Amino acid sequence: MLFVQRPNGNYILIIYMRIKIIYINRRNQYWNFIDKDNFEKNFREKIDKKWGASNIKTLSGSAGRKTIALEFRFSFNKIGVFTHNHWTLNVVKLRKDEWAQSFVISSLRTGNFDTNDFEYLKKSAKTYQRGAVHEFGHMLGLNDEYDSGVFISDLKSIMNSGETIRQRHRAIYMPWLNKTLREKNIH
């Protein structure tokens, strides 16, 4: 994570991940360079648009009102350039009418995704969800909320059946941010 001040005086928390992608062909579906670039572009844009935020915290100090934005940045490794990757993702090429179960194993920092994970899938009578944005929550360390627990009825939650990010989902990085603000004496 990186915490920086913008020229306008506001701040930004940047969460950066290096991801090794292993592209997997399936059933006469073959990856080409354009397909790979499109997957990476979709991952960058759709994850940052959903999980990033223009204001995760407002500061009201002596310098006036300042905001802290959140941004996710990614580097993708297809050919073993990085010596250390934060994550390894297997990505399967599917036809539009195919479906495969996507998942993340946080303890191993691995996951399985597919080309249809950026498409909305109806999860309940009132909710739709894209697999990639839900699975990214696991990459941040969040657990599913649809199995059990106090949030099982919150169907709109990104870690349940919807795509709404709640304050509890930001608890993963907020302690680090608050500690950094204290250490830098920023109010």
Foldseek 3Di string as FASTA:
>chain_A
DDWDADPVGAIEDEAEFEEEEAEAEDDPRDDDPVLVVVVVVCLQPVQQVQVWAPAPDWAQDPVGIHGYTYGYYYHYHHDPPDPDGQAYEYEYEDDQPDDDDWAADQVVRYIYYYPQQSPWDQDDPPATARNSNLRVLVVLPDAALCPDDDCVVVCCDSSHPHRDDDNVSVVSCVVVVVVVCVVVVND
